């Protein structure tokens, strides 16, 4: 009852990390598509207040960003601090809790973005 029976016919053994088959998702950073990180003057943002799909809670949604996720996270952090509320970044949009559309419009325009109010 020997040693090594569990590795019968499996090649060299050893902890190989190579991927043999992967159907979804390119995890290689060399093949990842670059996201353009445009300056604020070249971006047009839409600011809208929404309640749909949030259990009746009001959320201010800012969309139209063309930034890297890291840049978007730091911008969202600044906006949340200015409004004194929480929020999140989802799919190149920033969601700020509460109705802060007017305040966010002025903050974004001060930072050089072209921001417009959309919706009601």
PDB file of N, CA and C in Angstrom:
ATOM      1  N   UNK A   1       0.866  -1.149   0.000  1.00  0.00           N
ATOM      2  CA  UNK A   1       0.000   0.000   0.000  1.00  0.00           C
ATOM      3  C   UNK A   1       0.895   1.187   0.000  1.00  0.00           C
ATOM      4  N   UNK A   2       1.034   1.587  -1.168  1.00  0.00           N
ATOM      5  CA  UNK A   2       2.178   2.417  -1.332  1.00  0.00           C
ATOM      6  C   UNK A   2       1.928   3.877  -1.541  1.00  0.00           C
ATOM      7  N   UNK A   3       3.033   4.456  -1.569  1.00  0.00           N
ATOM      8  CA  UNK A   3       3.032   5.886  -1.796  1.00  0.00           C
ATOM      9  C   UNK A   3       2.908   6.147  -3.287  1.00  0.00           C
ATOM     10  N   UNK A   4       2.324   7.264  -3.666  1.00  0.00           N
ATOM     11  CA  UNK A   4       2.301   7.658  -5.056  1.00  0.00           C
ATOM     12  C   UNK A   4       1.171   7.080  -5.871  1.00  0.00           C
ATOM     13  N   UNK A   5       0.253   6.304  -5.270  1.00  0.00           N
ATOM     14  CA  UNK A   5      -0.832   5.730  -6.050  1.00  0.00           C
ATOM     15  C   UNK A   5      -1.795   6.795  -6.565  1.00  0.00           C
ATOM     16  N   UNK A   6      -1.922   7.934  -5.859  1.00  0.00           N
ATOM     17  CA  UNK A   6      -2.861   8.970  -6.261  1.00  0.00           C
ATOM     18  C   UNK A   6      -2.387   9.754  -7.477  1.00  0.00           C
ATOM     19  N   UNK A   7      -1.148   9.593  -7.906  1.00  0.00           N
ATOM     20  CA  UNK A   7      -0.607  10.370  -9.008  1.00  0.00           C
ATOM     21  C   UNK A   7      -0.360   9.484 -10.222  1.00  0.00           C
ATOM     22  N   UNK A   8      -1.099   8.395 -10.355  1.00  0.00           N
ATOM     23  CA  UNK A   8      -0.867   7.426 -11.403  1.00  0.00           C
ATOM     24  C   UNK A   8      -1.224   8.015 -12.778  1.00  0.00           C
ATOM     25  N   UNK A   9      -0.260   8.100 -13.664  1.00  0.00           N
ATOM     26  CA  UNK A   9      -0.503   8.526 -15.037  1.00  0.00           C
ATOM     27  C   UNK A   9      -0.858   9.997 -15.181  1.00  0.00           C
ATOM     28  N   UNK A  10      -0.474  10.834 -14.258  1.00  0.00           N
ATOM     29  CA  UNK A  10      -0.875  12.237 -14.295  1.00  0.00           C
ATOM     30  C   UNK A  10       0.260  13.149 -14.765  1.00  0.00           C
ATOM     31  N   UNK A  11       1.268  12.674 -15.343  1.00  0.00           N
ATOM     32  CA  UNK A  11       2.342  13.532 -15.820  1.00  0.00           C
ATOM     33  C   UNK A  11       3.366  13.769 -14.731  1.00  0.00           C
ATOM     34  N   UNK A  12       3.879  14.997 -14.699  1.00  0.00           N
ATOM     35  CA  UNK A  12       4.973  15.293 -13.787  1.00  0.00           C
ATOM     36  C   UNK A  12       4.515  15.533 -12.361  1.00  0.00           C
ATOM     37  N   UNK A  13       3.229  15.753 -12.140  1.00  0.00           N
ATOM     38  CA  UNK A  13       2.777  16.000 -10.776  1.00  0.00           C
ATOM     39  C   UNK A  13       2.925  17.477 -10.463  1.00  0.00           C
ATOM     40  N   UNK A  14       3.758  17.857  -9.562  1.00  0.00           N
ATOM     41  CA  UNK A  14       4.070  19.248  -9.226  1.00  0.00           C
ATOM     42  C   UNK A  14       2.899  20.210  -9.344  1.00  0.00           C
ATOM     43  N   UNK A  15       2.906  21.286  -8.635  1.00  0.00           N
ATOM     44  CA  UNK A  15       1.817  22.260  -8.630  1.00  0.00           C
ATOM     45  C   UNK A  15       1.859  23.190  -9.827  1.00  0.00           C
ATOM     46  N   UNK A  16       1.430  22.730 -10.967  1.00  0.00           N
ATOM     47  CA  UNK A  16       1.434  23.548 -12.178  1.00  0.00           C
ATOM     48  C   UNK A  16       0.246  24.507 -12.172  1.00  0.00           C
ATOM     49  N   UNK A  17       0.475  25.789 -12.477  1.00  0.00           N
ATOM     50  CA  UNK A  17      -0.570  26.800 -12.464  1.00  0.00           C
ATOM     51  C   UNK A  17      -1.075  27.149 -13.854  1.00  0.00           C
ATOM     52  N   UNK A  18      -0.667  26.425 -14.867  1.00  0.00           N
ATOM     53  CA  UNK A  18      -1.076  26.794 -16.217  1.00  0.00           C
ATOM     54  C   UNK A  18      -2.534  26.422 -16.460  1.00  0.00           C
ATOM     55  N   UNK A  19      -3.222  27.260 -17.249  1.00  0.00           N
ATOM     56  CA  UNK A  19      -4.625  27.036 -17.558  1.00  0.00           C
ATOM     57  C   UNK A  19      -4.695  26.157 -18.788  1.00  0.00           C
ATOM     58  N   UNK A  20      -5.421  25.064 -18.679  1.00  0.00           N
ATOM     59  CA  UNK A  20      -5.551  24.150 -19.795  1.00  0.00           C
ATOM     60  C   UNK A  20      -6.699  24.578 -20.696  1.00  0.00           C
ATOM     61  N   UNK A  21      -7.818  25.037 -20.092  1.00  0.00           N
ATOM     62  CA  UNK A  21      -8.980  25.441 -20.879  1.00  0.00           C
ATOM     63  C   UNK A  21      -9.724  26.523 -20.121  1.00  0.00           C
ATOM     64  N   UNK A  22     -10.069  27.573 -20.829  1.00  0.00           N
ATOM     65  CA  UNK A  22     -10.849  28.645 -20.234  1.00  0.00           C
ATOM     66  C   UNK A  22     -11.787  29.193 -21.296  1.00  0.00           C
ATOM     67  N   UNK A  23     -13.094  29.026 -21.094  1.00  0.00           N
ATOM     68  CA  UNK A  23     -14.060  29.442 -22.104  1.00  0.00           C
ATOM     69  C   UNK A  23     -14.380  30.928 -22.008  1.00  0.00           C
ATOM     70  N   UNK A  24     -14.536  31.432 -20.799  1.00  0.00           N
ATOM     71  CA  UNK A  24     -14.952  32.813 -20.610  1.00  0.00           C
ATOM     72  C   UNK A  24     -13.878  33.607 -19.898  1.00  0.00           C
ATOM     73  N   UNK A  25     -13.779  34.862 -20.290  1.00  0.00           N
ATOM     74  CA  UNK A  25     -12.932  35.801 -19.560  1.00  0.00           C
ATOM     75  C   UNK A  25     -11.469  35.710 -19.895  1.00  0.00           C
ATOM     76  N   UNK A  26     -10.969  36.741 -20.520  1.00  0.00           N
ATOM     77  CA  UNK A  26      -9.541  36.857 -20.729  1.00  0.00           C
ATOM     78  C   UNK A  26      -8.947  37.527 -19.513  1.00  0.00           C
ATOM     79  N   UNK A  27      -8.154  36.801 -18.765  1.00  0.00           N
ATOM     80  CA  UNK A  27      -7.578  37.375 -17.564  1.00  0.00           C
ATOM     81  C   UNK A  27      -6.201  37.957 -17.825  1.00  0.00           C
ATOM     82  N   UNK A  28      -5.711  37.842 -19.027  1.00  0.00           N
ATOM     83  CA  UNK A  28      -4.393  38.361 -19.350  1.00  0.00           C
ATOM     84  C   UNK A  28      -4.440  39.883 -19.467  1.00  0.00           C
ATOM     85  N   UNK A  29      -3.624  40.592 -18.682  1.00  0.00           N
ATOM     86  CA  UNK A  29      -3.639  42.050 -18.762  1.00  0.00           C
ATOM     87  C   UNK A  29      -3.135  42.556 -20.114  1.00  0.00           C
ATOM     88  N   UNK A  30      -2.343  41.766 -20.818  1.00  0.00           N
ATOM     89  CA  UNK A  30      -1.841  42.194 -22.119  1.00  0.00           C
ATOM     90  C   UNK A  30      -2.945  42.218 -23.165  1.00  0.00           C
ATOM     91  N   UNK A  31      -3.964  41.383 -22.983  1.00  0.00           N
ATOM     92  CA  UNK A  31      -5.049  41.314 -23.953  1.00  0.00           C
ATOM     93  C   UNK A  31      -6.244  42.171 -23.575  1.00  0.00           C
ATOM     94  N   UNK A  32      -6.228  42.762 -22.390  1.00  0.00           N
ATOM     95  CA  UNK A  32      -7.354  43.569 -21.931  1.00  0.00           C
ATOM     96  C   UNK A  32      -7.454  44.854 -22.751  1.00  0.00           C
ATOM     97  N   UNK A  33      -8.678  45.247 -23.049  1.00  0.00           N
ATOM     98  CA  UNK A  33      -8.908  46.458 -23.826  1.00  0.00           C
ATOM     99  C   UNK A  33      -8.682  47.674 -22.930  1.00  0.00           C
ATOM    100  N   UNK A  34      -7.915  48.621 -23.411  1.00  0.00           N
ATOM    101  CA  UNK A  34      -7.626  49.824 -22.653  1.00  0.00           C
ATOM    102  C   UNK A  34      -8.836  50.745 -22.611  1.00  0.00           C
ATOM    103  N   UNK A  35      -9.115  51.294 -21.441  1.00  0.00           N
ATOM    104  CA  UNK A  35     -10.210  52.236 -21.283  1.00  0.00           C
ATOM    105  C   UNK A  35      -9.635  53.632 -21.459  1.00  0.00           C
ATOM    106  N   UNK A  36     -10.206  54.436 -22.351  1.00  0.00           N
ATOM    107  CA  UNK A  36      -9.663  55.778 -22.527  1.00  0.00           C
ATOM    108  C   UNK A  36      -9.907  56.619 -21.277  1.00  0.00           C
ATOM    109  N   UNK A  37      -8.874  57.269 -20.820  1.00  0.00           N
ATOM    110  CA  UNK A  37      -8.990  58.130 -19.650  1.00  0.00           C
ATOM    111  C   UNK A  37      -8.974  59.567 -20.147  1.00  0.00           C
ATOM    112  N   UNK A  38     -10.121  60.013 -20.651  1.00  0.00           N
ATOM    113  CA  UNK A  38     -10.219  61.332 -21.239  1.00  0.00           C
ATOM    114  C   UNK A  38     -10.200  62.418 -20.172  1.00  0.00           C
ATOM    115  N   UNK A  39      -9.690  63.597 -20.514  1.00  0.00           N
ATOM    116  CA  UNK A  39      -9.752  64.709 -19.560  1.00  0.00           C
ATOM    117  C   UNK A  39     -11.195  65.160 -19.355  1.00  0.00           C
ATOM    118  N   UNK A  40     -11.484  65.799 -18.230  1.00  0.00           N
ATOM    119  CA  UNK A  40     -12.863  66.196 -17.919  1.00  0.00           C
ATOM    120  C   UNK A  40     -13.508  67.091 -18.976  1.00  0.00           C
ATOM    121  N   UNK A  41     -12.723  67.923 -19.658  1.00  0.00           N
ATOM    122  CA  UNK A  41     -13.290  68.838 -20.645  1.00  0.00           C
ATOM    123  C   UNK A  41     -13.883  68.107 -21.849  1.00  0.00           C
ATOM    124  N   UNK A  42     -13.454  66.885 -22.096  1.00  0.00           N
ATOM    125  CA  UNK A  42     -13.928  66.124 -23.250  1.00  0.00           C
ATOM    126  C   UNK A  42     -15.044  65.145 -22.899  1.00  0.00           C
ATOM    127  N   UNK A  43     -15.571  65.232 -21.694  1.00  0.00           N
ATOM    128  CA  UNK A  43     -16.615  64.299 -21.265  1.00  0.00           C
ATOM    129  C   UNK A  43     -17.912  65.044 -20.986  1.00  0.00           C
ATOM    130  N   UNK A  44     -19.009  64.480 -21.457  1.00  0.00           N
ATOM    131  CA  UNK A  44     -20.335  65.025 -21.179  1.00  0.00           C
ATOM    132  C   UNK A  44     -21.055  64.048 -20.266  1.00  0.00           C
ATOM    133  N   UNK A  45     -21.428  64.512 -19.089  1.00  0.00           N
ATOM    134  CA  UNK A  45     -22.052  63.653 -18.091  1.00  0.00           C
ATOM    135  C   UNK A  45     -23.527  63.976 -17.956  1.00  0.00           C
ATOM    136  N   UNK A  46     -24.302  62.952 -17.605  1.00  0.00           N
ATOM    137  CA  UNK A  46     -25.723  63.130 -17.325  1.00  0.00           C
ATOM    138  C   UNK A  46     -25.956  62.855 -15.845  1.00  0.00           C
ATOM    139  N   UNK A  47     -26.652  63.790 -15.200  1.00  0.00           N
ATOM    140  CA  UNK A  47     -26.982  63.646 -13.778  1.00  0.00           C
ATOM    141  C   UNK A  47     -28.491  63.493 -13.682  1.00  0.00           C
ATOM    142  N   UNK A  48     -28.943  62.401 -13.085  1.00  0.00           N
ATOM    143  CA  UNK A  48     -30.384  62.195 -12.941  1.00  0.00           C
ATOM    144  C   UNK A  48     -30.698  61.573 -11.590  1.00  0.00           C
ATOM    145  N   UNK A  49     -31.901  61.855 -11.117  1.00  0.00           N
ATOM    146  CA  UNK A  49     -32.365  61.308  -9.846  1.00  0.00           C
ATOM    147  C   UNK A  49     -33.298  60.145 -10.167  1.00  0.00           C
ATOM    148  N   UNK A  50     -33.077  59.022  -9.497  1.00  0.00           N
ATOM    149  CA  UNK A  50     -33.840  57.811  -9.803  1.00  0.00           C
ATOM    150  C   UNK A  50     -34.260  57.110  -8.518  1.00  0.00           C
ATOM    151  N   UNK A  51     -35.388  56.404  -8.600  1.00  0.00           N
ATOM    152  CA  UNK A  51     -35.859  55.571  -7.491  1.00  0.00           C
ATOM    153  C   UNK A  51     -36.152  54.151  -7.948  1.00  0.00           C
ATOM    154  N   UNK A  52     -36.076  53.911  -9.231  1.00  0.00           N
ATOM    155  CA  UNK A  52     -36.485  52.609  -9.768  1.00  0.00           C
ATOM    156  C   UNK A  52     -35.542  51.499  -9.335  1.00  0.00           C
ATOM    157  N   UNK A  53     -36.130  50.408  -8.883  1.00  0.00           N
ATOM    158  CA  UNK A  53     -35.359  49.225  -8.525  1.00  0.00           C
ATOM    159  C   UNK A  53     -34.545  49.373  -7.258  1.00  0.00           C
ATOM    160  N   UNK A  54     -34.875  50.360  -6.419  1.00  0.00           N
ATOM    161  CA  UNK A  54     -34.091  50.588  -5.219  1.00  0.00           C
ATOM    162  C   UNK A  54     -34.952  50.599  -3.963  1.00  0.00           C
ATOM    163  N   UNK A  55     -36.112  50.023  -4.039  1.00  0.00           N
ATOM    164  CA  UNK A  55     -36.988  49.931  -2.873  1.00  0.00           C
ATOM    165  C   UNK A  55     -37.499  51.277  -2.408  1.00  0.00           C
ATOM    166  N   UNK A  56     -37.692  52.218  -3.320  1.00  0.00           N
ATOM    167  CA  UNK A  56     -38.214  53.520  -2.969  1.00  0.00           C
ATOM    168  C   UNK A  56     -37.167  54.522  -2.512  1.00  0.00           C
ATOM    169  N   UNK A  57     -35.910  54.106  -2.426  1.00  0.00           N
ATOM    170  CA  UNK A  57     -34.836  55.012  -2.003  1.00  0.00           C
ATOM    171  C   UNK A  57     -34.420  55.893  -3.182  1.00  0.00           C
ATOM    172  N   UNK A  58     -34.172  57.160  -2.906  1.00  0.00           N
ATOM    173  CA  UNK A  58     -33.759  58.095  -3.947  1.00  0.00           C
ATOM    174  C   UNK A  58     -32.236  58.039  -4.106  1.00  0.00           C
ATOM    175  N   UNK A  59     -31.792  57.955  -5.361  1.00  0.00           N
ATOM    176  CA  UNK A  59     -30.369  57.880  -5.680  1.00  0.00           C
ATOM    177  C   UNK A  59     -30.086  58.836  -6.829  1.00  0.00           C
ATOM    178  N   UNK A  60     -28.993  59.575  -6.752  1.00  0.00           N
ATOM    179  CA  UNK A  60     -28.553  60.428  -7.849  1.00  0.00           C
ATOM    180  C   UNK A  60     -27.531  59.649  -8.666  1.00  0.00           C
ATOM    181  N   UNK A  61     -27.810  59.471  -9.959  1.00  0.00           N
ATOM    182  CA  UNK A  61     -26.967  58.666 -10.840  1.00  0.00           C
ATOM    183  C   UNK A  61     -26.239  59.592 -11.812  1.00  0.00           C
ATOM    184  N   UNK A  62     -24.922  59.464 -11.882  1.00  0.00           N
ATOM    185  CA  UNK A  62     -24.109  60.232 -12.824  1.00  0.00           C
ATOM    186  C   UNK A  62     -23.537  59.242 -13.833  1.00  0.00           C
ATOM    187  N   UNK A  63     -23.858  59.438 -15.110  1.00  0.00           N
ATOM    188  CA  UNK A  63     -23.397  58.509 -16.138  1.00  0.00           C
ATOM    189  C   UNK A  63     -22.663  59.265 -17.235  1.00  0.00           C
ATOM    190  N   UNK A  64     -21.943  58.519 -18.069  1.00  0.00           N
ATOM    191  CA  UNK A  64     -21.220  59.098 -19.194  1.00  0.00           C
ATOM    192  C   UNK A  64     -19.727  59.210 -18.968  1.00  0.00           C
ATOM    193  N   UNK A  65     -19.220  58.613 -17.902  1.00  0.00           N
ATOM    194  CA  UNK A  65     -17.792  58.698 -17.612  1.00  0.00           C
ATOM    195  C   UNK A  65     -16.989  57.855 -18.582  1.00  0.00           C
ATOM    196  N   UNK A  66     -15.815  58.341 -18.926  1.00  0.00           N
ATOM    197  CA  UNK A  66     -14.849  57.573 -19.714  1.00  0.00           C
ATOM    198  C   UNK A  66     -13.514  57.632 -18.981  1.00  0.00           C
ATOM    199  N   UNK A  67     -13.484  56.933 -17.871  1.00  0.00           N
ATOM    200  CA  UNK A  67     -12.304  56.896 -17.000  1.00  0.00           C
ATOM    201  C   UNK A  67     -11.946  55.464 -16.681  1.00  0.00           C
ATOM    202  N   UNK A  68     -10.738  55.288 -16.193  1.00  0.00           N
ATOM    203  CA  UNK A  68     -10.327  53.993 -15.647  1.00  0.00           C
ATOM    204  C   UNK A  68     -11.072  53.786 -14.325  1.00  0.00           C
ATOM    205  N   UNK A  69     -11.280  52.551 -13.925  1.00  0.00           N
ATOM    206  CA  UNK A  69     -11.994  52.289 -12.664  1.00  0.00           C
ATOM    207  C   UNK A  69     -11.338  52.944 -11.449  1.00  0.00           C
ATOM    208  N   UNK A  70     -10.004  53.011 -11.429  1.00  0.00           N
ATOM    209  CA  UNK A  70      -9.317  53.616 -10.281  1.00  0.00           C
ATOM    210  C   UNK A  70      -9.635  55.111 -10.203  1.00  0.00           C
ATOM    211  N   UNK A  71      -9.612  55.780 -11.357  1.00  0.00           N
ATOM    212  CA  UNK A  71      -9.909  57.213 -11.389  1.00  0.00           C
ATOM    213  C   UNK A  71     -11.347  57.466 -10.987  1.00  0.00           C
ATOM    214  N   UNK A  72     -12.243  56.598 -11.450  1.00  0.00           N
ATOM    215  CA  UNK A  72     -13.661  56.743 -11.130  1.00  0.00           C
ATOM    216  C   UNK A  72     -13.910  56.534  -9.634  1.00  0.00           C
ATOM    217  N   UNK A  73     -13.180  55.604  -9.029  1.00  0.00           N
ATOM    218  CA  UNK A  73     -13.319  55.365  -7.590  1.00  0.00           C
ATOM    219  C   UNK A  73     -12.889  56.592  -6.775  1.00  0.00           C
ATOM    220  N   UNK A  74     -11.786  57.220  -7.163  1.00  0.00           N
ATOM    221  CA  UNK A  74     -11.324  58.389  -6.414  1.00  0.00           C
ATOM    222  C   UNK A  74     -12.277  59.569  -6.601  1.00  0.00           C
ATOM    223  N   UNK A  75     -12.820  59.727  -7.807  1.00  0.00           N
ATOM    224  CA  UNK A  75     -13.789  60.803  -8.045  1.00  0.00           C
ATOM    225  C   UNK A  75     -15.056  60.563  -7.228  1.00  0.00           C
ATOM    226  N   UNK A  76     -15.536  59.322  -7.197  1.00  0.00           N
ATOM    227  CA  UNK A  76     -16.729  58.988  -6.424  1.00  0.00           C
ATOM    228  C   UNK A  76     -16.498  59.249  -4.941  1.00  0.00           C
ATOM    229  N   UNK A  77     -15.311  58.957  -4.457  1.00  0.00           N
ATOM    230  CA  UNK A  77     -14.999  59.190  -3.050  1.00  0.00           C
ATOM    231  C   UNK A  77     -15.078  60.681  -2.722  1.00  0.00           C
ATOM    232  N   UNK A  78     -14.550  61.528  -3.620  1.00  0.00           N
ATOM    233  CA  UNK A  78     -14.613  62.975  -3.407  1.00  0.00           C
ATOM    234  C   UNK A  78     -16.057  63.473  -3.418  1.00  0.00           C
ATOM    235  N   UNK A  79     -16.853  62.980  -4.372  1.00  0.00           N
ATOM    236  CA  UNK A  79     -18.242  63.420  -4.475  1.00  0.00           C
ATOM    237  C   UNK A  79     -19.057  62.989  -3.258  1.00  0.00           C
ATOM    238  N   UNK A  80     -18.822  61.770  -2.787  1.00  0.00           N
ATOM    239  CA  UNK A  80     -19.543  61.282  -1.611  1.00  0.00           C
ATOM    240  C   UNK A  80     -19.191  62.113  -0.378  1.00  0.00           C
ATOM    241  N   UNK A  81     -17.920  62.490  -0.271  1.00  0.00           N
ATOM    242  CA  UNK A  81     -17.499  63.297   0.875  1.00  0.00           C
ATOM    243  C   UNK A  81     -18.133  64.687   0.813  1.00  0.00           C
ATOM    244  N   UNK A  82     -18.230  65.255  -0.378  1.00  0.00           N
ATOM    245  CA  UNK A  82     -18.823  66.584  -0.528  1.00  0.00           C
ATOM    246  C   UNK A  82     -20.312  66.573  -0.202  1.00  0.00           C
ATOM    247  N   UNK A  83     -20.988  65.471  -0.532  1.00  0.00           N
ATOM    248  CA  UNK A  83     -22.426  65.375  -0.264  1.00  0.00           C
ATOM    249  C   UNK A  83     -22.718  64.847   1.142  1.00  0.00           C
ATOM    250  N   UNK A  84     -21.733  64.250   1.775  1.00  0.00           N
ATOM    251  CA  UNK A  84     -21.928  63.707   3.115  1.00  0.00           C
ATOM    252  C   UNK A  84     -22.778  62.460   3.140  1.00  0.00           C
ATOM    253  N   UNK A  85     -22.755  61.693   2.047  1.00  0.00           N
ATOM    254  CA  UNK A  85     -23.555  60.467   1.971  1.00  0.00           C
ATOM    255  C   UNK A  85     -22.712  59.329   1.415  1.00  0.00           C
ATOM    256  N   UNK A  86     -23.334  58.186   1.294  1.00  0.00           N
ATOM    257  CA  UNK A  86     -22.681  57.029   0.714  1.00  0.00           C
ATOM    258  C   UNK A  86     -22.971  56.936  -0.767  1.00  0.00           C
ATOM    259  N   UNK A  87     -22.434  55.925  -1.382  1.00  0.00           N
ATOM    260  CA  UNK A  87     -22.669  55.715  -2.801  1.00  0.00           C
ATOM    261  C   UNK A  87     -21.800  54.584  -3.305  1.00  0.00           C
ATOM    262  N   UNK A  88     -21.842  54.376  -4.619  1.00  0.00           N
ATOM    263  CA  UNK A  88     -21.085  53.281  -5.217  1.00  0.00           C
ATOM    264  C   UNK A  88     -20.775  53.600  -6.668  1.00  0.00           C
ATOM    265  N   UNK A  89     -19.871  52.800  -7.248  1.00  0.00           N
ATOM    266  CA  UNK A  89     -19.547  52.891  -8.670  1.00  0.00           C
ATOM    267  C   UNK A  89     -20.010  51.592  -9.311  1.00  0.00           C
ATOM    268  N   UNK A  90     -20.872  51.707 -10.333  1.00  0.00           N
ATOM    269  CA  UNK A  90     -21.368  50.529 -11.057  1.00  0.00           C
ATOM    270  C   UNK A  90     -21.371  50.807 -12.550  1.00  0.00           C
ATOM    271  N   UNK A  91     -20.714  49.961 -13.316  1.00  0.00           N
ATOM    272  CA  UNK A  91     -20.756  50.014 -14.782  1.00  0.00           C
ATOM    273  C   UNK A  91     -20.518  51.429 -15.319  1.00  0.00           C
ATOM    274  N   UNK A  92     -19.421  52.042 -14.952  1.00  0.00           N
ATOM    275  CA  UNK A  92     -19.058  53.397 -15.390  1.00  0.00           C
ATOM    276  C   UNK A  92     -20.086  54.450 -15.013  1.00  0.00           C
ATOM    277  N   UNK A  93     -20.850  54.222 -13.969  1.00  0.00           N
ATOM    278  CA  UNK A  93     -21.747  55.233 -13.419  1.00  0.00           C
ATOM    279  C   UNK A  93     -21.454  55.371 -11.931  1.00  0.00           C
ATOM    280  N   UNK A  94     -21.699  56.558 -11.417  1.00  0.00           N
ATOM    281  CA  UNK A  94     -21.534  56.806  -9.987  1.00  0.00           C
ATOM    282  C   UNK A  94     -22.925  57.015  -9.412  1.00  0.00           C
ATOM    283  N   UNK A  95     -23.252  56.292  -8.348  1.00  0.00           N
ATOM    284  CA  UNK A  95     -24.540  56.422  -7.677  1.00  0.00           C
ATOM    285  C   UNK A  95     -24.293  57.012  -6.295  1.00  0.00           C
ATOM    286  N   UNK A  96     -24.932  58.154  -6.038  1.00  0.00           N
ATOM    287  CA  UNK A  96     -24.824  58.837  -4.752  1.00  0.00           C
ATOM    288  C   UNK A  96     -26.184  58.747  -4.072  1.00  0.00           C
ATOM    289  N   UNK A  97     -26.208  58.342  -2.802  1.00  0.00           N
ATOM    290  CA  UNK A  97     -27.473  58.183  -2.085  1.00  0.00           C
ATOM    291  C   UNK A  97     -28.103  59.545  -1.810  1.00  0.00           C
ATOM    292  N   UNK A  98     -29.392  59.654  -2.115  1.00  0.00           N
ATOM    293  CA  UNK A  98     -30.130  60.890  -1.857  1.00  0.00           C
ATOM    294  C   UNK A  98     -30.258  61.745  -3.105  1.00  0.00           C
ATOM    295  N   UNK A  99     -31.019  62.834  -2.981  1.00  0.00           N
ATOM    296  CA  UNK A  99     -31.253  63.757  -4.093  1.00  0.00           C
ATOM    297  C   UNK A  99     -30.241  64.899  -3.997  1.00  0.00           C
ATOM    298  N   UNK A 100     -29.125  64.745  -4.686  1.00  0.00           N
ATOM    299  CA  UNK A 100     -28.041  65.738  -4.660  1.00  0.00           C
ATOM    300  C   UNK A 100     -27.709  66.229  -6.062  1.00  0.00           C
ATOM    301  N   UNK A 101     -28.683  66.244  -6.957  1.00  0.00           N
ATOM    302  CA  UNK A 101     -28.422  66.563  -8.357  1.00  0.00           C
ATOM    303  C   UNK A 101     -27.844  67.962  -8.531  1.00  0.00           C
ATOM    304  N   UNK A 102     -28.430  68.953  -7.900  1.00  0.00           N
ATOM    305  CA  UNK A 102     -27.966  70.340  -8.083  1.00  0.00           C
ATOM    306  C   UNK A 102     -26.547  70.523  -7.537  1.00  0.00           C
ATOM    307  N   UNK A 103     -26.292  69.970  -6.373  1.00  0.00           N
ATOM    308  CA  UNK A 103     -24.969  70.092  -5.764  1.00  0.00           C
ATOM    309  C   UNK A 103     -23.916  69.385  -6.612  1.00  0.00           C
ATOM    310  N   UNK A 104     -24.264  68.190  -7.121  1.00  0.00           N
ATOM    311  CA  UNK A 104     -23.316  67.440  -7.944  1.00  0.00           C
ATOM    312  C   UNK A 104     -23.057  68.136  -9.272  1.00  0.00           C
ATOM    313  N   UNK A 105     -24.084  68.777  -9.837  1.00  0.00           N
ATOM    314  CA  UNK A 105     -23.886  69.525 -11.086  1.00  0.00           C
ATOM    315  C   UNK A 105     -22.828  70.609 -10.891  1.00  0.00           C
ATOM    316  N   UNK A 106     -22.939  71.374  -9.829  1.00  0.00           N
ATOM    317  CA  UNK A 106     -21.974  72.445  -9.600  1.00  0.00           C
ATOM    318  C   UNK A 106     -20.584  71.892  -9.287  1.00  0.00           C
ATOM    319  N   UNK A 107     -20.504  70.792  -8.517  1.00  0.00           N
ATOM    320  CA  UNK A 107     -19.205  70.200  -8.196  1.00  0.00           C
ATOM    321  C   UNK A 107     -18.506  69.674  -9.451  1.00  0.00           C
ATOM    322  N   UNK A 108     -19.272  69.005 -10.314  1.00  0.00           N
ATOM    323  CA  UNK A 108     -18.681  68.457 -11.539  1.00  0.00           C
ATOM    324  C   UNK A 108     -18.247  69.568 -12.491  1.00  0.00           C
ATOM    325  N   UNK A 109     -19.031  70.630 -12.583  1.00  0.00           N
ATOM    326  CA  UNK A 109     -18.665  71.737 -13.460  1.00  0.00           C
ATOM    327  C   UNK A 109     -17.438  72.468 -12.933  1.00  0.00           C
ATOM    328  N   UNK A 110     -17.278  72.537 -11.624  1.00  0.00           N
ATOM    329  CA  UNK A 110     -16.075  73.141 -11.048  1.00  0.00           C
ATOM    330  C   UNK A 110     -14.825  72.330 -11.368  1.00  0.00           C
ATOM    331  N   UNK A 111     -14.999  71.013 -11.539  1.00  0.00           N
ATOM    332  CA  UNK A 111     -13.866  70.153 -11.868  1.00  0.00           C
ATOM    333  C   UNK A 111     -13.608  70.084 -13.367  1.00  0.00           C
ATOM    334  N   UNK A 112     -14.415  70.786 -14.161  1.00  0.00           N
ATOM    335  CA  UNK A 112     -14.156  70.865 -15.599  1.00  0.00           C
ATOM    336  C   UNK A 112     -15.021  69.969 -16.460  1.00  0.00           C
ATOM    337  N   UNK A 113     -15.918  69.219 -15.896  1.00  0.00           N
ATOM    338  CA  UNK A 113     -16.804  68.349 -16.672  1.00  0.00           C
ATOM    339  C   UNK A 113     -17.938  69.165 -17.274  1.00  0.00           C
ATOM    340  N   UNK A 114     -18.460  68.706 -18.411  1.00  0.00           N
ATOM    341  CA  UNK A 114     -19.676  69.245 -18.965  1.00  0.00           C
ATOM    342  C   UNK A 114     -20.801  68.367 -18.444  1.00  0.00           C
ATOM    343  N   UNK A 115     -21.579  68.884 -17.500  1.00  0.00           N
ATOM    344  CA  UNK A 115     -22.611  68.082 -16.858  1.00  0.00           C
ATOM    345  C   UNK A 115     -23.976  68.699 -17.133  1.00  0.00           C
ATOM    346  N   UNK A 116     -24.943  67.823 -17.450  1.00  0.00           N
ATOM    347  CA  UNK A 116     -26.315  68.258 -17.714  1.00  0.00           C
ATOM    348  C   UNK A 116     -27.270  67.428 -16.859  1.00  0.00           C
ATOM    349  N   UNK A 117     -28.332  68.071 -16.449  1.00  0.00           N
ATOM    350  CA  UNK A 117     -29.365  67.353 -15.695  1.00  0.00           C
ATOM    351  C   UNK A 117     -30.283  66.648 -16.676  1.00  0.00           C
ATOM    352  N   UNK A 118     -30.615  65.420 -16.381  1.00  0.00           N
ATOM    353  CA  UNK A 118     -31.464  64.645 -17.265  1.00  0.00           C
ATOM    354  C   UNK A 118     -32.600  64.058 -16.439  1.00  0.00           C
ATOM    355  N   UNK A 119     -33.731  63.846 -17.063  1.00  0.00           N
ATOM    356  CA  UNK A 119     -34.893  63.299 -16.356  1.00  0.00           C
ATOM    357  C   UNK A 119     -35.615  64.379 -15.583  1.00  0.00           C
ATOM    358  N   UNK A 120     -36.513  63.972 -14.678  1.00  0.00           N
ATOM    359  CA  UNK A 120     -37.360  64.901 -13.946  1.00  0.00           C
ATOM    360  C   UNK A 120     -36.638  65.587 -12.898  1.00  0.00           C
TER     361      UNK A 120
END
